PDB file of N, CA and C in Angstrom:
ATOM      1  N   MET A   1     250.660-261.598 116.480  1.00  0.00           N
ATOM      2  CA  MET A   1     249.299-261.263 115.821  1.00  0.00           C
ATOM      3  C   MET A   1     249.199-259.891 115.793  1.00  0.00           C
ATOM      4  N   GLN A   2     248.939-259.451 114.533  1.00  0.00           N
ATOM      5  CA  GLN A   2     248.535-258.025 114.310  1.00  0.00           C
ATOM      6  C   GLN A   2     247.007-257.837 114.399  1.00  0.00           C
ATOM      7  N   ILE A   3     246.516-256.902 115.127  1.00  0.00           N
ATOM      8  CA  ILE A   3     245.108-256.645 115.097  1.00  0.00           C
ATOM      9  C   ILE A   3     244.967-255.247 114.400  1.00  0.00           C
ATOM     10  N   HIS A   4     243.973-255.032 113.566  1.00  0.00           N
ATOM     11  CA  HIS A   4     243.610-253.848 112.756  1.00  0.00           C
ATOM     12  C   HIS A   4     242.235-253.706 112.770  1.00  0.00           C
ATOM     13  N   ARG A   5     241.678-252.436 112.913  1.00  0.00           N
ATOM     14  CA  ARG A   5     240.459-252.050 112.844  1.00  0.00           C
ATOM     15  C   ARG A   5     239.821-252.135 111.572  1.00  0.00           C
ATOM     16  N   SER A   6     238.637-252.573 111.238  1.00  0.00           N
ATOM     17  CA  SER A   6     237.984-252.603 109.954  1.00  0.00           C
ATOM     18  C   SER A   6     238.105-251.052 109.272  1.00  0.00           C
ATOM     19  N   GLN A   7     238.217-250.960 108.137  1.00  0.00           N
ATOM     20  CA  GLN A   7     238.210-249.616 107.448  1.00  0.00           C
ATOM     21  C   GLN A   7     236.735-249.374 106.754  1.00  0.00           C
ATOM     22  N   SER A   8     235.889-249.900 107.325  1.00  0.00           N
ATOM     23  CA  SER A   8     234.596-249.738 106.829  1.00  0.00           C
ATOM     24  C   SER A   8     234.196-248.211 106.764  1.00  0.00           C
ATOM     25  N   PRO A   9     233.314-247.794 105.771  1.00  0.00           N
ATOM     26  CA  PRO A   9     233.012-246.351 105.763  1.00  0.00           C
ATOM     27  C   PRO A   9     232.201-245.867 106.890  1.00  0.00           C
ATOM     28  N   MET A  10     231.403-246.773 107.464  1.00  0.00           N
ATOM     29  CA  MET A  10     230.444-246.462 108.680  1.00  0.00           C
ATOM     30  C   MET A  10     230.762-247.476 109.611  1.00  0.00           C
ATOM     31  N   PRO A  11     230.501-246.996 110.944  1.00  0.00           N
ATOM     32  CA  PRO A  11     230.710-247.954 112.019  1.00  0.00           C
ATOM     33  C   PRO A  11     229.577-248.895 112.061  1.00  0.00           C
ATOM     34  N   TRP A  12     229.723-250.175 112.651  1.00  0.00           N
ATOM     35  CA  TRP A  12     228.815-250.992 112.878  1.00  0.00           C
ATOM     36  C   TRP A  12     228.113-250.871 114.229  1.00  0.00           C
ATOM     37  N   PHE A  13     226.829-251.047 114.292  1.00  0.00           N
ATOM     38  CA  PHE A  13     226.013-251.103 115.612  1.00  0.00           C
ATOM     39  C   PHE A  13     225.174-252.317 115.699  1.00  0.00           C
ATOM     40  N   VAL A  14     224.958-252.590 116.901  1.00  0.00           N
ATOM     41  CA  VAL A  14     224.256-253.936 117.151  1.00  0.00           C
ATOM     42  C   VAL A  14     223.347-253.667 118.240  1.00  0.00           C
ATOM     43  N   LYS A  15     221.936-254.028 117.911  1.00  0.00           N
ATOM     44  CA  LYS A  15     220.883-254.048 118.895  1.00  0.00           C
ATOM     45  C   LYS A  15     220.488-255.466 119.293  1.00  0.00           C
ATOM     46  N   ILE A  16     220.894-255.667 120.648  1.00  0.00           N
ATOM     47  CA  ILE A  16     220.772-256.815 121.185  1.00  0.00           C
ATOM     48  C   ILE A  16     219.428-256.875 122.035  1.00  0.00           C
ATOM     49  N   GLU A  17     218.394-257.802 121.551  1.00  0.00           N
ATOM     50  CA  GLU A  17     217.073-257.603 122.148  1.00  0.00           C
ATOM     51  C   GLU A  17     216.548-258.873 122.913  1.00  0.00           C
ATOM     52  N   ARG A  18     215.672-258.610 123.728  1.00  0.00           N
ATOM     53  CA  ARG A  18     215.054-259.778 124.528  1.00  0.00           C
ATOM     54  C   ARG A  18     213.393-259.451 124.290  1.00  0.00           C
ATOM     55  N   GLY A  19     212.729-260.417 123.784  1.00  0.00           N
ATOM     56  CA  GLY A  19     211.326-260.465 123.667  1.00  0.00           C
ATOM     57  C   GLY A  19     210.511-260.256 125.083  1.00  0.00           C
ATOM     58  N   ILE A  20     209.527-259.294 125.084  1.00  0.00           N
ATOM     59  CA  ILE A  20     208.798-259.139 126.268  1.00  0.00           C
ATOM     60  C   ILE A  20     207.279-259.293 126.131  1.00  0.00           C
ATOM     61  N   VAL A  21     206.894-259.903 125.018  1.00  0.00           N
ATOM     62  CA  VAL A  21     205.417-260.002 124.914  1.00  0.00           C
ATOM     63  C   VAL A  21     205.291-261.716 124.508  1.00  0.00           C
ATOM     64  N   ASP A  22     204.104-262.007 124.522  1.00  0.00           N
ATOM     65  CA  ASP A  22     203.879-263.552 124.142  1.00  0.00           C
ATOM     66  C   ASP A  22     204.106-263.658 122.695  1.00  0.00           C
ATOM     67  N   LYS A  23     204.429-264.998 122.390  1.00  0.00           N
ATOM     68  CA  LYS A  23     205.002-265.264 121.073  1.00  0.00           C
ATOM     69  C   LYS A  23     203.952-264.943 119.936  1.00  0.00           C
ATOM     70  N   ALA A  24     202.698-265.158 120.207  1.00  0.00           N
ATOM     71  CA  ALA A  24     201.587-264.724 119.265  1.00  0.00           C
ATOM     72  C   ALA A  24     201.688-263.256 118.860  1.00  0.00           C
ATOM     73  N   THR A  25     201.865-262.478 119.886  1.00  0.00           N
ATOM     74  CA  THR A  25     201.909-261.026 119.648  1.00  0.00           C
ATOM     75  C   THR A  25     203.260-260.657 118.952  1.00  0.00           C
ATOM     76  N   PHE A  26     204.258-261.241 119.299  1.00  0.00           N
ATOM     77  CA  PHE A  26     205.465-261.021 118.795  1.00  0.00           C
ATOM     78  C   PHE A  26     205.594-261.333 117.320  1.00  0.00           C
ATOM     79  N   ASP A  27     205.081-262.488 117.020  1.00  0.00           N
ATOM     80  CA  ASP A  27     204.938-263.102 115.627  1.00  0.00           C
ATOM     81  C   ASP A  27     204.112-262.207 114.750  1.00  0.00           C
ATOM     82  N   CYS A  28     203.222-261.421 115.119  1.00  0.00           N
ATOM     83  CA  CYS A  28     202.342-260.403 114.371  1.00  0.00           C
ATOM     84  C   CYS A  28     203.264-259.343 113.665  1.00  0.00           C
ATOM     85  N   TYR A  29     204.361-259.072 114.388  1.00  0.00           N
ATOM     86  CA  TYR A  29     205.221-257.930 113.922  1.00  0.00           C
ATOM     87  C   TYR A  29     206.517-258.353 113.155  1.00  0.00           C
ATOM     88  N   VAL A  30     206.664-259.664 113.114  1.00  0.00           N
ATOM     89  CA  VAL A  30     207.914-260.252 112.539  1.00  0.00           C
ATOM     90  C   VAL A  30     208.034-259.912 111.082  1.00  0.00           C
ATOM     91  N   PRO A  31     206.906-259.950 110.148  1.00  0.00           N
ATOM     92  CA  PRO A  31     206.904-259.773 108.753  1.00  0.00           C
ATOM     93  C   PRO A  31     207.253-258.134 108.579  1.00  0.00           C
ATOM     94  N   ALA A  32     206.818-257.407 109.449  1.00  0.00           N
ATOM     95  CA  ALA A  32     207.140-255.861 109.338  1.00  0.00           C
ATOM     96  C   ALA A  32     208.517-255.622 109.703  1.00  0.00           C
ATOM     97  N   HIS A  33     209.063-256.385 110.615  1.00  0.00           N
ATOM     98  CA  HIS A  33     210.419-256.098 110.984  1.00  0.00           C
ATOM     99  C   HIS A  33     211.218-256.502 109.977  1.00  0.00           C
ATOM    100  N   ARG A  34     210.995-257.780 109.323  1.00  0.00           N
ATOM    101  CA  ARG A  34     211.774-258.190 108.331  1.00  0.00           C
ATOM    102  C   ARG A  34     211.815-257.428 106.947  1.00  0.00           C
ATOM    103  N   ALA A  35     210.679-256.833 106.801  1.00  0.00           N
ATOM    104  CA  ALA A  35     210.472-255.892 105.656  1.00  0.00           C
ATOM    105  C   ALA A  35     211.354-254.613 106.082  1.00  0.00           C
ATOM    106  N   TYR A  36     211.375-254.106 107.223  1.00  0.00           N
ATOM    107  CA  TYR A  36     212.117-252.998 107.732  1.00  0.00           C
ATOM    108  C   TYR A  36     213.577-253.208 107.400  1.00  0.00           C
ATOM    109  N   VAL A  37     214.015-254.433 107.794  1.00  0.00           N
ATOM    110  CA  VAL A  37     215.380-254.830 107.658  1.00  0.00           C
ATOM    111  C   VAL A  37     215.817-254.738 106.168  1.00  0.00           C
ATOM    112  N   ARG A  38     214.839-255.495 105.269  1.00  0.00           N
ATOM    113  CA  ARG A  38     215.214-255.288 103.746  1.00  0.00           C
ATOM    114  C   ARG A  38     215.331-253.868 103.348  1.00  0.00           C
ATOM    115  N   SER A  39     214.564-253.113 103.945  1.00  0.00           N
ATOM    116  CA  SER A  39     214.790-251.472 103.620  1.00  0.00           C
ATOM    117  C   SER A  39     216.003-251.051 103.848  1.00  0.00           C
ATOM    118  N   LEU A  40     216.534-251.435 105.101  1.00  0.00           N
ATOM    119  CA  LEU A  40     217.820-251.034 105.607  1.00  0.00           C
ATOM    120  C   LEU A  40     219.024-251.483 104.682  1.00  0.00           C
ATOM    121  N   ILE A  41     218.758-252.778 104.255  1.00  0.00           N
ATOM    122  CA  ILE A  41     219.782-253.353 103.391  1.00  0.00           C
ATOM    123  C   ILE A  41     219.695-252.558 102.021  1.00  0.00           C
ATOM    124  N   ALA A  42     218.663-252.330 101.454  1.00  0.00           N
ATOM    125  CA  ALA A  42     218.535-251.502 100.175  1.00  0.00           C
ATOM    126  C   ALA A  42     219.109-249.946 100.539  1.00  0.00           C
ATOM    127  N   ALA A  43     219.096-249.631 101.643  1.00  0.00           N
ATOM    128  CA  ALA A  43     219.574-248.183 101.846  1.00  0.00           C
ATOM    129  C   ALA A  43     221.046-248.213 102.163  1.00  0.00           C
ATOM    130  N   GLY A  44     221.630-249.319 102.009  1.00  0.00           N
ATOM    131  CA  GLY A  44     223.222-249.428 102.272  1.00  0.00           C
ATOM    132  C   GLY A  44     223.574-249.703 103.617  1.00  0.00           C
ATOM    133  N   HIS A  45     222.753-249.970 104.700  1.00  0.00           N
ATOM    134  CA  HIS A  45     223.162-250.318 105.960  1.00  0.00           C
ATOM    135  C   HIS A  45     223.869-251.520 106.174  1.00  0.00           C
ATOM    136  N   GLN A  46     223.834-252.451 105.145  1.00  0.00           N
ATOM    137  CA  GLN A  46     224.268-253.827 105.543  1.00  0.00           C
ATOM    138  C   GLN A  46     223.732-254.549 106.536  1.00  0.00           C
ATOM    139  N   ALA A  47     222.428-254.501 106.882  1.00  0.00           N
ATOM    140  CA  ALA A  47     221.733-254.911 108.100  1.00  0.00           C
ATOM    141  C   ALA A  47     221.645-256.547 107.989  1.00  0.00           C
ATOM    142  N   ARG A  48     221.657-257.065 109.157  1.00  0.00           N
ATOM    143  CA  ARG A  48     221.533-258.504 109.324  1.00  0.00           C
ATOM    144  C   ARG A  48     220.710-258.620 110.638  1.00  0.00           C
ATOM    145  N   THR A  49     219.687-259.564 110.545  1.00  0.00           N
ATOM    146  CA  THR A  49     218.835-259.675 111.711  1.00  0.00           C
ATOM    147  C   THR A  49     218.809-261.237 111.877  1.00  0.00           C
ATOM    148  N   GLY A  50     218.550-261.716 113.265  1.00  0.00           N
ATOM    149  CA  GLY A  50     218.294-263.054 113.514  1.00  0.00           C
ATOM    150  C   GLY A  50     218.023-263.268 114.953  1.00  0.00           C
ATOM    151  N   TYR A  51     217.573-264.464 115.330  1.00  0.00           N
ATOM    152  CA  TYR A  51     217.323-264.710 116.690  1.00  0.00           C
ATOM    153  C   TYR A  51     218.359-265.729 117.303  1.00  0.00           C
ATOM    154  N   TRP A  52     218.354-265.974 118.663  1.00  0.00           N
ATOM    155  CA  TRP A  52     219.142-266.963 119.270  1.00  0.00           C
ATOM    156  C   TRP A  52     218.411-268.139 119.130  1.00  0.00           C
ATOM    157  N   ALA A  53     219.312-269.239 118.871  1.00  0.00           N
ATOM    158  CA  ALA A  53     218.847-270.619 118.735  1.00  0.00           C
ATOM    159  C   ALA A  53     218.051-271.008 120.019  1.00  0.00           C
ATOM    160  N   GLU A  54     218.335-270.464 121.155  1.00  0.00           N
ATOM    161  CA  GLU A  54     217.619-270.802 122.362  1.00  0.00           C
ATOM    162  C   GLU A  54     216.259-270.247 122.377  1.00  0.00           C
ATOM    163  N   ARG A  55     216.024-269.219 121.452  1.00  0.00           N
ATOM    164  CA  ARG A  55     214.905-268.324 121.276  1.00  0.00           C
ATOM    165  C   ARG A  55     214.757-267.360 122.579  1.00  0.00           C
ATOM    166  N   GLY A  56     213.866-266.410 122.449  1.00  0.00           N
ATOM    167  CA  GLY A  56     213.750-265.451 123.494  1.00  0.00           C
ATOM    168  C   GLY A  56     214.327-264.198 123.220  1.00  0.00           C
ATOM    169  N   GLY A  57     215.202-264.170 122.068  1.00  0.00           N
ATOM    170  CA  GLY A  57     215.946-262.784 121.844  1.00  0.00           C
ATOM    171  C   GLY A  57     216.660-262.939 120.416  1.00  0.00           C
ATOM    172  N   GLY A  58     217.262-261.938 120.126  1.00  0.00           N
ATOM    173  CA  GLY A  58     217.976-261.934 118.945  1.00  0.00           C
ATOM    174  C   GLY A  58     218.806-260.508 118.864  1.00  0.00           C
ATOM    175  N   MET A  59     219.267-260.266 117.511  1.00  0.00           N
ATOM    176  CA  MET A  59     220.026-259.063 117.380  1.00  0.00           C
ATOM    177  C   MET A  59     219.913-258.651 115.848  1.00  0.00           C
ATOM    178  N   LEU A  60     220.083-257.387 115.834  1.00  0.00           N
ATOM    179  CA  LEU A  60     220.201-256.628 114.530  1.00  0.00           C
ATOM    180  C   LEU A  60     221.663-255.968 114.509  1.00  0.00           C
ATOM    181  N   LEU A  61     222.230-256.238 113.484  1.00  0.00           N
ATOM    182  CA  LEU A  61     223.551-255.699 113.155  1.00  0.00           C
ATOM    183  C   LEU A  61     223.393-254.817 111.873  1.00  0.00           C
ATOM    184  N   PHE A  62     224.021-253.688 112.153  1.00  0.00           N
ATOM    185  CA  PHE A  62     223.923-252.730 110.839  1.00  0.00           C
ATOM    186  C   PHE A  62     225.062-251.490 110.900  1.00  0.00           C
ATOM    187  N   HIS A  63     225.149-251.070 109.663  1.00  0.00           N
ATOM    188  CA  HIS A  63     225.993-249.896 109.595  1.00  0.00           C
ATOM    189  C   HIS A  63     225.185-248.613 109.837  1.00  0.00           C
ATOM    190  N   ALA A  64     225.765-247.664 110.406  1.00  0.00           N
ATOM    191  CA  ALA A  64     225.158-246.316 110.626  1.00  0.00           C
ATOM    192  C   ALA A  64     226.302-245.174 110.774  1.00  0.00           C
ATOM    193  N   ASP A  65     226.080-244.060 110.255  1.00  0.00           N
ATOM    194  CA  ASP A  65     227.143-243.063 110.303  1.00  0.00           C
ATOM    195  C   ASP A  65     227.322-242.425 111.657  1.00  0.00           C
ATOM    196  N   SER A  66     226.447-242.661 112.618  1.00  0.00           N
ATOM    197  CA  SER A  66     226.652-242.112 113.838  1.00  0.00           C
ATOM    198  C   SER A  66     225.836-242.826 115.028  1.00  0.00           C
ATOM    199  N   ARG A  67     226.007-242.590 116.152  1.00  0.00           N
ATOM    200  CA  ARG A  67     225.165-243.129 117.164  1.00  0.00           C
ATOM    201  C   ARG A  67     223.741-242.592 117.098  1.00  0.00           C
ATOM    202  N   LYS A  68     223.595-241.288 116.787  1.00  0.00           N
ATOM    203  CA  LYS A  68     222.262-240.746 116.634  1.00  0.00           C
ATOM    204  C   LYS A  68     221.477-241.400 115.556  1.00  0.00           C
ATOM    205  N   THR A  69     221.940-241.650 114.342  1.00  0.00           N
ATOM    206  CA  THR A  69     221.387-242.334 113.359  1.00  0.00           C
ATOM    207  C   THR A  69     221.095-243.813 113.693  1.00  0.00           C
ATOM    208  N   ALA A  70     222.004-244.495 114.425  1.00  0.00           N
ATOM    209  CA  ALA A  70     221.777-245.806 114.768  1.00  0.00           C
ATOM    210  C   ALA A  70     220.570-245.813 115.820  1.00  0.00           C
ATOM    211  N   GLU A  71     220.416-244.871 116.647  1.00  0.00           N
ATOM    212  CA  GLU A  71     219.237-244.703 117.653  1.00  0.00           C
ATOM    213  C   GLU A  71     217.885-244.613 116.774  1.00  0.00           C
ATOM    214  N   GLU A  72     218.087-243.577 115.837  1.00  0.00           N
ATOM    215  CA  GLU A  72     216.797-243.439 114.866  1.00  0.00           C
ATOM    216  C   GLU A  72     216.389-244.596 114.208  1.00  0.00           C
ATOM    217  N   ILE A  73     217.391-245.293 113.705  1.00  0.00           N
ATOM    218  CA  ILE A  73     217.160-246.721 112.879  1.00  0.00           C
ATOM    219  C   ILE A  73     216.426-247.639 113.860  1.00  0.00           C
ATOM    220  N   VAL A  74     216.898-247.764 115.114  1.00  0.00           N
ATOM    221  CA  VAL A  74     216.217-248.720 116.053  1.00  0.00           C
ATOM    222  C   VAL A  74     214.903-248.225 116.433  1.00  0.00           C
ATOM    223  N   ALA A  75     214.881-246.893 116.609  1.00  0.00           N
ATOM    224  CA  ALA A  75     213.343-246.518 117.094  1.00  0.00           C
ATOM    225  C   ALA A  75     212.331-246.740 115.976  1.00  0.00           C
ATOM    226  N   ARG A  76     212.735-246.862 114.590  1.00  0.00           N
ATOM    227  CA  ARG A  76     211.780-247.152 113.660  1.00  0.00           C
ATOM    228  C   ARG A  76     211.563-248.573 113.404  1.00  0.00           C
ATOM    229  N   ASP A  77     212.108-249.586 114.118  1.00  0.00           N
ATOM    230  CA  ASP A  77     211.854-251.021 114.036  1.00  0.00           C
ATOM    231  C   ASP A  77     210.695-251.262 114.449  1.00  0.00           C
ATOM    232  N   PRO A  78     209.822-251.939 113.822  1.00  0.00           N
ATOM    233  CA  PRO A  78     208.460-252.422 114.306  1.00  0.00           C
ATOM    234  C   PRO A  78     208.329-253.004 115.496  1.00  0.00           C
ATOM    235  N   LEU A  79     209.551-253.803 115.834  1.00  0.00           N
ATOM    236  CA  LEU A  79     209.412-254.503 117.114  1.00  0.00           C
ATOM    237  C   LEU A  79     209.579-253.615 118.237  1.00  0.00           C
ATOM    238  N   VAL A  80     210.401-252.544 117.949  1.00  0.00           N
ATOM    239  CA  VAL A  80     210.498-251.568 119.024  1.00  0.00           C
ATOM    240  C   VAL A  80     209.310-250.686 119.266  1.00  0.00           C
ATOM    241  N   GLN A  81     208.734-250.248 117.896  1.00  0.00           N
ATOM    242  CA  GLN A  81     207.705-249.331 117.953  1.00  0.00           C
ATOM    243  C   GLN A  81     206.348-249.900 118.551  1.00  0.00           C
ATOM    244  N   HIS A  82     206.271-251.345 118.577  1.00  0.00           N
ATOM    245  CA  HIS A  82     205.099-252.069 119.177  1.00  0.00           C
ATOM    246  C   HIS A  82     205.473-252.605 120.535  1.00  0.00           C
ATOM    247  N   GLN A  83     206.663-252.200 121.029  1.00  0.00           N
ATOM    248  CA  GLN A  83     206.999-252.678 122.398  1.00  0.00           C
ATOM    249  C   GLN A  83     207.053-254.068 122.595  1.00  0.00           C
ATOM    250  N   CYS A  84     207.616-254.921 121.665  1.00  0.00           N
ATOM    251  CA  CYS A  84     207.763-256.208 121.739  1.00  0.00           C
ATOM    252  C   CYS A  84     209.182-256.646 122.375  1.00  0.00           C
ATOM    253  N   VAL A  85     210.007-255.761 122.380  1.00  0.00           N
ATOM    254  CA  VAL A  85     211.410-255.995 122.884  1.00  0.00           C
ATOM    255  C   VAL A  85     211.911-254.970 123.834  1.00  0.00           C
ATOM    256  N   HIS A  86     212.911-255.525 124.789  1.00  0.00           N
ATOM    257  CA  HIS A  86     213.736-254.615 125.454  1.00  0.00           C
ATOM    258  C   HIS A  86     215.022-254.784 124.744  1.00  0.00           C
ATOM    259  N   TYR A  87     215.884-253.724 124.575  1.00  0.00           N
ATOM    260  CA  TYR A  87     217.018-253.913 123.920  1.00  0.00           C
ATOM    261  C   TYR A  87     218.043-253.133 124.394  1.00  0.00           C
ATOM    262  N   GLU A  88     219.310-253.427 124.016  1.00  0.00           N
ATOM    263  CA  GLU A  88     220.567-252.496 124.235  1.00  0.00           C
ATOM    264  C   GLU A  88     221.181-252.308 122.839  1.00  0.00           C
ATOM    265  N   LEU A  89     221.692-251.092 122.811  1.00  0.00           N
ATOM    266  CA  LEU A  89     222.239-250.574 121.381  1.00  0.00           C
ATOM    267  C   LEU A  89     223.836-250.319 121.765  1.00  0.00           C
ATOM    268  N   HIS A  90     224.598-250.950 121.056  1.00  0.00           N
ATOM    269  CA  HIS A  90     226.150-250.874 121.021  1.00  0.00           C
ATOM    270  C   HIS A  90     226.832-250.563 119.754  1.00  0.00           C
ATOM    271  N   GLU A  91     227.761-249.729 119.803  1.00  0.00           N
ATOM    272  CA  GLU A  91     228.674-249.700 118.476  1.00  0.00           C
ATOM    273  C   GLU A  91     229.591-250.854 118.716  1.00  0.00           C
ATOM    274  N   TRP A  92     229.803-251.590 117.643  1.00  0.00           N
ATOM    275  CA  TRP A  92     230.639-252.704 117.603  1.00  0.00           C
ATOM    276  C   TRP A  92     231.945-252.355 116.918  1.00  0.00           C
ATOM    277  N   CYS A  93     232.993-252.323 117.473  1.00  0.00           N
ATOM    278  CA  CYS A  93     234.494-252.169 116.991  1.00  0.00           C
ATOM    279  C   CYS A  93     235.037-253.532 116.583  1.00  0.00           C
ATOM    280  N   ILE A  94     235.167-253.681 115.219  1.00  0.00           N
ATOM    281  CA  ILE A  94     235.812-254.952 114.739  1.00  0.00           C
ATOM    282  C   ILE A  94     237.240-254.676 114.726  1.00  0.00           C
ATOM    283  N   VAL A  95     238.050-255.707 115.299  1.00  0.00           N
ATOM    284  CA  VAL A  95     239.441-255.585 115.437  1.00  0.00           C
ATOM    285  C   VAL A  95     239.994-256.547 114.490  1.00  0.00           C
ATOM    286  N   GLU A  96     239.360-257.600 113.887  1.00  0.00           N
ATOM    287  CA  GLU A  96     240.119-258.423 112.986  1.00  0.00           C
ATOM    288  C   GLU A  96     239.038-258.826 112.152  1.00  0.00           C
ATOM    289  N   ALA A  97     239.232-258.837 110.788  1.00  0.00           N
ATOM    290  CA  ALA A  97     238.221-259.212 109.648  1.00  0.00           C
ATOM    291  C   ALA A  97     238.960-259.335 108.519  1.00  0.00           C
ATOM    292  N   PRO A  98     238.372-260.129 107.431  1.00  0.00           N
ATOM    293  CA  PRO A  98     239.020-260.438 106.281  1.00  0.00           C
ATOM    294  C   PRO A  98     239.294-259.142 105.639  1.00  0.00           C
ATOM    295  N   ASP A  99     240.484-259.021 104.808  1.00  0.00           N
ATOM    296  CA  ASP A  99     240.771-257.873 104.092  1.00  0.00           C
ATOM    297  C   ASP A  99     239.796-257.730 102.712  1.00  0.00           C
TER     298      ASP A  99
END
């Protein structure tokens, strides 16, 4: 089996998050979060967001040109700005993907 790294123009980053506020508070900021993700998509970051089926957390997957840019993107997320989540940010290195 041959493993190859994705030849994407920008690295992928993933924000893995866990909610830390009650559901009613969290849900107040979901529309703003979704609008923010749509703005990332429009800006070319190929962003994807979703929650775990078991609830309680989720992730945001996106392209950014550097770790610094990825940190700035995460800092502008309404869920982060309103302290609704604890999160980890990781660069994701793809080793196998469709051509």
